[in-house]
Amino acid sequence: MTKILTLGANGQLARNTTKAFLETTHVELTLYLRRASRLSNPAPDRVTIVEGDVNDNALLRNAMRDQDVVYANLAGDMAREATSIVAAMQSAGLKRLIFISSMGIYGEVPGETYRSVLDPYRDSAAIVERSDLDYTILRPGWFTRTPKSRIQITQKGEPFHGHDISIDSLSSLIVSLATTSGLHVRESIGVSDA
């Protein structure tokens, strides 16, 4: 059975993706977050909740033991967090990382300039890209609650298409990335509704 560690498990996208994992797969989940009391366990037979900070290297390495995939959905000092994640994964012998970033980090959204607000996302993506991990960096558009629909994917270096993405569509893609070997490995992909 595939084991997935979700970092930043209380975020909007992470909570939605936890629900998608539980409804559509048989994976086991470890939900890692700073204040565990903020989450109730949705499926105690398949879900473990761990309280911890991503920058606590010993605790993070311990949480990574016996995991197959790390799904990181973070905010804050993202460069420091990315550095900690990469080091912990290398120490644990883990390779597969799904890392949430943002559209616009490469200046790829036509007609938009985001300036310094995206620096943490750009810097953390660069750290992940320099690693030897089997990463997928997701650069989604703005989340909507519209029904799940087809998505469009753009590669790094291509103009971003669209602007928004259904959170259910994005969660579905994350589930596919975590459960399908080799899907978009070592790619940074823009994701929006088609």
C-alpha atoms as a PDB file:
ATOM      1  CA  MET A   1       0.000   0.000   0.000  1.00  0.00           C
ATOM      2  CA  THR A   2       1.301   3.459  -0.933  1.00  0.00           C
ATOM      3  CA  LYS A   3       2.112   5.734   1.996  1.00  0.00           C
ATOM      4  CA  ILE A   4       1.910   9.481   1.525  1.00  0.00           C
ATOM      5  CA  LEU A   5       3.193  12.195   3.855  1.00  0.00           C
ATOM      6  CA  THR A   6       1.347  15.503   3.518  1.00  0.00           C
ATOM      7  CA  LEU A   7       3.272  18.521   4.811  1.00  0.00           C
ATOM      8  CA  GLY A   8       1.149  21.548   5.684  1.00  0.00           C
ATOM      9  CA  ALA A   9      -1.873  19.273   6.051  1.00  0.00           C
ATOM     10  CA  ASN A  10      -4.244  21.949   7.353  1.00  0.00           C
ATOM     11  CA  GLY A  11      -4.106  24.138   4.247  1.00  0.00           C
ATOM     12  CA  GLN A  12      -7.188  24.482   2.058  1.00  0.00           C
ATOM     13  CA  LEU A  13      -5.723  22.465  -0.823  1.00  0.00           C
ATOM     14  CA  ALA A  14      -4.216  19.829   1.477  1.00  0.00           C
ATOM     15  CA  ARG A  15      -7.533  19.265   3.274  1.00  0.00           C
ATOM     16  CA  ASN A  16      -9.331  18.946  -0.055  1.00  0.00           C
ATOM     17  CA  THR A  17      -6.677  16.557  -1.366  1.00  0.00           C
ATOM     18  CA  THR A  18      -6.857  14.414   1.793  1.00  0.00           C
ATOM     19  CA  LYS A  19     -10.563  13.969   1.085  1.00  0.00           C
ATOM     20  CA  ALA A  20      -9.808  13.023  -2.545  1.00  0.00           C
ATOM     21  CA  PHE A  21      -7.186  10.456  -1.471  1.00  0.00           C
ATOM     22  CA  LEU A  22      -9.606   8.864   0.972  1.00  0.00           C
ATOM     23  CA  GLU A  23     -12.505   8.771  -1.505  1.00  0.00           C
ATOM     24  CA  THR A  24     -10.623   7.505  -4.563  1.00  0.00           C
ATOM     25  CA  THR A  25      -7.642   5.429  -3.374  1.00  0.00           C
ATOM     26  CA  HIS A  26      -6.525   2.971  -0.704  1.00  0.00           C
ATOM     27  CA  VAL A  27      -3.372   4.886   0.290  1.00  0.00           C
ATOM     28  CA  GLU A  28      -2.293   5.464   3.876  1.00  0.00           C
ATOM     29  CA  LEU A  29      -1.815   9.111   4.830  1.00  0.00           C
ATOM     30  CA  THR A  30       0.356  10.836   7.394  1.00  0.00           C
ATOM     31  CA  LEU A  31      -0.821  14.416   7.911  1.00  0.00           C
ATOM     32  CA  TYR A  32       1.951  16.653   9.247  1.00  0.00           C
ATOM     33  CA  LEU A  33       1.122  20.108  10.585  1.00  0.00           C
ATOM     34  CA  ARG A  34       2.235  22.581  13.218  1.00  0.00           C
ATOM     35  CA  ARG A  35      -0.871  22.335  15.416  1.00  0.00           C
ATOM     36  CA  ALA A  36      -2.424  18.882  15.237  1.00  0.00           C
ATOM     37  CA  SER A  37      -5.437  20.007  17.291  1.00  0.00           C
ATOM     38  CA  ARG A  38      -6.648  21.941  14.224  1.00  0.00           C
ATOM     39  CA  LEU A  39      -7.474  18.695  12.396  1.00  0.00           C
ATOM     40  CA  SER A  40      -9.769  15.876  13.309  1.00  0.00           C
ATOM     41  CA  ASN A  41      -8.798  12.462  11.985  1.00  0.00           C
ATOM     42  CA  PRO A  42     -11.079  11.681   9.019  1.00  0.00           C
ATOM     43  CA  ALA A  43     -10.193   7.961   8.856  1.00  0.00           C
ATOM     44  CA  PRO A  44      -8.222   6.611  11.858  1.00  0.00           C
ATOM     45  CA  ASP A  45      -7.684   3.264  10.114  1.00  0.00           C
ATOM     46  CA  ARG A  46      -5.815   4.985   7.233  1.00  0.00           C
ATOM     47  CA  VAL A  47      -4.668   8.361   8.586  1.00  0.00           C
ATOM     48  CA  THR A  48      -2.027   9.317  11.156  1.00  0.00           C
ATOM     49  CA  ILE A  49      -1.719  12.916  12.322  1.00  0.00           C
ATOM     50  CA  VAL A  50       1.711  14.209  13.356  1.00  0.00           C
ATOM     51  CA  GLU A  51       2.358  17.574  14.975  1.00  0.00           C
ATOM     52  CA  GLY A  52       5.582  19.169  13.847  1.00  0.00           C
ATOM     53  CA  ASP A  53       7.359  21.953  12.041  1.00  0.00           C
ATOM     54  CA  VAL A  54       8.928  21.250   8.654  1.00  0.00           C
ATOM     55  CA  ASN A  55      12.078  23.005   9.881  1.00  0.00           C
ATOM     56  CA  ASP A  56      12.514  20.494  12.733  1.00  0.00           C
ATOM     57  CA  ASN A  57      14.874  18.214  10.804  1.00  0.00           C
ATOM     58  CA  ALA A  58      14.869  15.301  13.252  1.00  0.00           C
ATOM     59  CA  LEU A  59      11.086  15.193  13.554  1.00  0.00           C
ATOM     60  CA  LEU A  60      10.626  15.574   9.795  1.00  0.00           C
ATOM     61  CA  ARG A  61      13.083  12.745   9.041  1.00  0.00           C
ATOM     62  CA  ASN A  62      11.238  10.566  11.541  1.00  0.00           C
ATOM     63  CA  ALA A  63       7.890  11.322   9.877  1.00  0.00           C
ATOM     64  CA  MET A  64       9.384  10.384   6.486  1.00  0.00           C
ATOM     65  CA  ARG A  65      10.336   6.880   7.594  1.00  0.00           C
ATOM     66  CA  ASP A  66       8.509   4.209   5.585  1.00  0.00           C
ATOM     67  CA  GLN A  67       6.776   6.787   3.349  1.00  0.00           C
ATOM     68  CA  ASP A  68       6.630   6.503  -0.453  1.00  0.00           C
ATOM     69  CA  VAL A  69       5.619  10.042  -1.462  1.00  0.00           C
ATOM     70  CA  VAL A  70       5.954  13.489   0.103  1.00  0.00           C
ATOM     71  CA  TYR A  71       3.304  16.059  -0.833  1.00  0.00           C
ATOM     72  CA  ALA A  72       4.313  19.549   0.350  1.00  0.00           C
ATOM     73  CA  ASN A  73       1.709  22.274   0.576  1.00  0.00           C
ATOM     74  CA  LEU A  74       3.434  25.068   2.507  1.00  0.00           C
ATOM     75  CA  ALA A  75       3.638  28.819   3.077  1.00  0.00           C
ATOM     76  CA  GLY A  76       5.980  31.057   5.040  1.00  0.00           C
ATOM     77  CA  ASP A  77       9.768  30.830   4.749  1.00  0.00           C
ATOM     78  CA  MET A  78       9.480  28.501   1.774  1.00  0.00           C
ATOM     79  CA  ALA A  79      13.168  28.485   0.813  1.00  0.00           C
ATOM     80  CA  ARG A  80      14.101  27.313   4.313  1.00  0.00           C
ATOM     81  CA  GLU A  81      11.258  24.775   4.247  1.00  0.00           C
ATOM     82  CA  ALA A  82      12.288  23.453   0.815  1.00  0.00           C
ATOM     83  CA  THR A  83      15.885  23.092   1.989  1.00  0.00           C
ATOM     84  CA  SER A  84      14.704  21.151   5.045  1.00  0.00           C
ATOM     85  CA  ILE A  85      12.435  18.891   2.966  1.00  0.00           C
ATOM     86  CA  VAL A  86      15.122  18.086   0.397  1.00  0.00           C
ATOM     87  CA  ALA A  87      17.691  17.296   3.116  1.00  0.00           C
ATOM     88  CA  ALA A  88      15.254  15.127   5.090  1.00  0.00           C
ATOM     89  CA  MET A  89      14.157  13.227   1.988  1.00  0.00           C
ATOM     90  CA  GLN A  90      17.762  12.582   0.967  1.00  0.00           C
ATOM     91  CA  SER A  91      18.563  11.394   4.482  1.00  0.00           C
ATOM     92  CA  ALA A  92      15.508   9.107   4.509  1.00  0.00           C
ATOM     93  CA  GLY A  93      16.220   7.742   1.020  1.00  0.00           C
ATOM     94  CA  LEU A  94      12.901   9.095  -0.274  1.00  0.00           C
ATOM     95  CA  LYS A  95      12.719  10.284  -3.894  1.00  0.00           C
ATOM     96  CA  ARG A  96       9.138  11.297  -4.844  1.00  0.00           C
ATOM     97  CA  LEU A  97       8.108  14.874  -4.016  1.00  0.00           C
ATOM     98  CA  ILE A  98       5.009  16.790  -5.110  1.00  0.00           C
ATOM     99  CA  PHE A  99       5.635  20.449  -4.299  1.00  0.00           C
ATOM    100  CA  ILE A 100       2.974  23.168  -4.558  1.00  0.00           C
ATOM    101  CA  SER A 101       4.165  26.534  -5.832  1.00  0.00           C
ATOM    102  CA  SER A 102       2.296  29.251  -7.763  1.00  0.00           C
ATOM    103  CA  MET A 103       1.654  30.392 -11.281  1.00  0.00           C
ATOM    104  CA  GLY A 104       3.833  33.328 -12.267  1.00  0.00           C
ATOM    105  CA  ILE A 105       7.095  32.300 -10.585  1.00  0.00           C
ATOM    106  CA  TYR A 106       8.943  32.328 -13.907  1.00  0.00           C
ATOM    107  CA  GLY A 107       7.143  35.403 -15.292  1.00  0.00           C
ATOM    108  CA  GLU A 108       5.165  33.019 -17.514  1.00  0.00           C
ATOM    109  CA  VAL A 109       1.679  34.544 -17.097  1.00  0.00           C
ATOM    110  CA  PRO A 110       1.053  36.831 -20.103  1.00  0.00           C
ATOM    111  CA  GLY A 111       0.251  40.404 -19.084  1.00  0.00           C
ATOM    112  CA  GLU A 112       0.892  39.820 -15.357  1.00  0.00           C
ATOM    113  CA  THR A 113       3.741  40.987 -13.147  1.00  0.00           C
ATOM    114  CA  TYR A 114       3.702  39.614  -9.609  1.00  0.00           C
ATOM    115  CA  ARG A 115       6.978  41.072  -8.301  1.00  0.00           C
ATOM    116  CA  SER A 116       8.281  40.147  -4.862  1.00  0.00           C
ATOM    117  CA  VAL A 117       5.106  38.435  -3.629  1.00  0.00           C
ATOM    118  CA  LEU A 118       6.244  35.334  -5.545  1.00  0.00           C
ATOM    119  CA  ASP A 119       9.881  35.385  -4.416  1.00  0.00           C
ATOM    120  CA  PRO A 120       9.340  32.686  -1.732  1.00  0.00           C
ATOM    121  CA  TYR A 121       7.692  30.400  -4.303  1.00  0.00           C
ATOM    122  CA  ARG A 122      10.388  31.051  -6.929  1.00  0.00           C
ATOM    123  CA  ASP A 123      13.237  30.527  -4.457  1.00  0.00           C
ATOM    124  CA  SER A 124      11.796  27.287  -3.056  1.00  0.00           C
ATOM    125  CA  ALA A 125      11.106  25.906  -6.538  1.00  0.00           C
ATOM    126  CA  ALA A 126      14.740  26.579  -7.489  1.00  0.00           C
ATOM    127  CA  ILE A 127      15.922  24.586  -4.449  1.00  0.00           C
ATOM    128  CA  VAL A 128      13.684  21.657  -5.377  1.00  0.00           C
ATOM    129  CA  GLU A 129      14.798  21.793  -9.032  1.00  0.00           C
ATOM    130  CA  ARG A 130      18.484  21.658  -8.016  1.00  0.00           C
ATOM    131  CA  SER A 131      17.894  18.502  -5.978  1.00  0.00           C
ATOM    132  CA  ASP A 132      18.226  14.925  -7.179  1.00  0.00           C
ATOM    133  CA  LEU A 133      14.638  14.155  -6.145  1.00  0.00           C
ATOM    134  CA  ASP A 134      11.882  12.856  -8.419  1.00  0.00           C
ATOM    135  CA  TYR A 135       9.916  16.066  -7.977  1.00  0.00           C
ATOM    136  CA  THR A 136       6.882  17.554  -9.624  1.00  0.00           C
ATOM    137  CA  ILE A 137       6.420  21.257  -8.965  1.00  0.00           C
ATOM    138  CA  LEU A 138       2.813  22.339  -9.456  1.00  0.00           C
ATOM    139  CA  ARG A 139       2.162  25.957 -10.387  1.00  0.00           C
ATOM    140  CA  PRO A 140      -1.627  26.263 -10.123  1.00  0.00           C
ATOM    141  CA  GLY A 141      -3.841  29.188 -10.978  1.00  0.00           C
ATOM    142  CA  TRP A 142      -6.195  30.687  -8.391  1.00  0.00           C
ATOM    143  CA  PHE A 143      -8.434  28.106  -6.699  1.00  0.00           C
ATOM    144  CA  THR A 144     -12.163  28.056  -7.395  1.00  0.00           C
ATOM    145  CA  ARG A 145     -14.998  25.895  -6.087  1.00  0.00           C
ATOM    146  CA  THR A 146     -16.331  25.214  -9.570  1.00  0.00           C
ATOM    147  CA  PRO A 147     -17.030  21.558 -10.425  1.00  0.00           C
ATOM    148  CA  LYS A 148     -14.087  19.379 -11.421  1.00  0.00           C
ATOM    149  CA  SER A 149     -13.253  19.824 -15.101  1.00  0.00           C
ATOM    150  CA  ARG A 150     -10.539  19.127 -17.625  1.00  0.00           C
ATOM    151  CA  ILE A 151      -7.238  20.817 -16.870  1.00  0.00           C
ATOM    152  CA  GLN A 152      -4.564  22.255 -19.082  1.00  0.00           C
ATOM    153  CA  ILE A 153      -0.895  21.841 -18.313  1.00  0.00           C
ATOM    154  CA  THR A 154       1.957  24.058 -19.405  1.00  0.00           C
ATOM    155  CA  GLN A 155       5.619  23.234 -19.003  1.00  0.00           C
ATOM    156  CA  LYS A 156       8.282  25.523 -17.579  1.00  0.00           C
ATOM    157  CA  GLY A 157       9.260  27.978 -20.304  1.00  0.00           C
ATOM    158  CA  GLU A 158       5.793  28.017 -21.899  1.00  0.00           C
ATOM    159  CA  PRO A 159       3.234  30.793 -21.387  1.00  0.00           C
ATOM    160  CA  PHE A 160       0.688  29.948 -18.687  1.00  0.00           C
ATOM    161  CA  HIS A 161      -2.821  29.386 -20.085  1.00  0.00           C
ATOM    162  CA  GLY A 162      -5.961  30.384 -18.257  1.00  0.00           C
ATOM    163  CA  HIS A 163      -6.035  31.833 -14.780  1.00  0.00           C
ATOM    164  CA  ASP A 164      -8.139  29.717 -12.407  1.00  0.00           C
ATOM    165  CA  ILE A 165      -8.369  26.061 -11.446  1.00  0.00           C
ATOM    166  CA  SER A 166     -11.051  24.071  -9.704  1.00  0.00           C
ATOM    167  CA  ILE A 167      -9.621  22.941  -6.367  1.00  0.00           C
ATOM    168  CA  ASP A 168     -11.228  19.529  -6.997  1.00  0.00           C
ATOM    169  CA  SER A 169      -9.434  19.245 -10.352  1.00  0.00           C
ATOM    170  CA  LEU A 170      -6.115  20.146  -8.734  1.00  0.00           C
ATOM    171  CA  SER A 171      -6.646  17.627  -5.917  1.00  0.00           C
ATOM    172  CA  SER A 172      -7.442  14.959  -8.490  1.00  0.00           C
ATOM    173  CA  LEU A 173      -4.171  15.725 -10.298  1.00  0.00           C
ATOM    174  CA  ILE A 174      -2.209  15.485  -7.026  1.00  0.00           C
ATOM    175  CA  VAL A 175      -3.774  12.082  -6.338  1.00  0.00           C
ATOM    176  CA  SER A 176      -2.742  10.932  -9.834  1.00  0.00           C
ATOM    177  CA  LEU A 177       0.803  12.245  -9.381  1.00  0.00           C
ATOM    178  CA  ALA A 178       1.142  10.453  -6.037  1.00  0.00           C
ATOM    179  CA  THR A 179      -0.227   7.129  -7.269  1.00  0.00           C
ATOM    180  CA  THR A 180       1.078   6.926 -10.858  1.00  0.00           C
ATOM    181  CA  SER A 181       4.746   6.042 -11.217  1.00  0.00           C
ATOM    182  CA  GLY A 182       6.726   8.419 -13.438  1.00  0.00           C
ATOM    183  CA  LEU A 183       3.934  10.946 -14.066  1.00  0.00           C
ATOM    184  CA  HIS A 184       5.456  14.427 -14.676  1.00  0.00           C
ATOM    185  CA  VAL A 185       8.661  13.520 -12.815  1.00  0.00           C
ATOM    186  CA  ARG A 186      11.299  16.288 -12.741  1.00  0.00           C
ATOM    187  CA  GLU A 187       8.866  18.758 -14.283  1.00  0.00           C
ATOM    188  CA  SER A 188       7.536  22.120 -13.168  1.00  0.00           C
ATOM    189  CA  ILE A 189       4.020  22.339 -14.576  1.00  0.00           C
ATOM    190  CA  GLY A 190       1.487  25.140 -14.737  1.00  0.00           C
ATOM    191  CA  VAL A 191      -2.061  23.954 -14.115  1.00  0.00           C
ATOM    192  CA  SER A 192      -5.357  25.669 -14.901  1.00  0.00           C
ATOM    193  CA  ASP A 193      -8.869  24.805 -16.044  1.00  0.00           C
ATOM    194  CA  ALA A 194      -9.148  24.020 -19.745  1.00  0.00           C
END
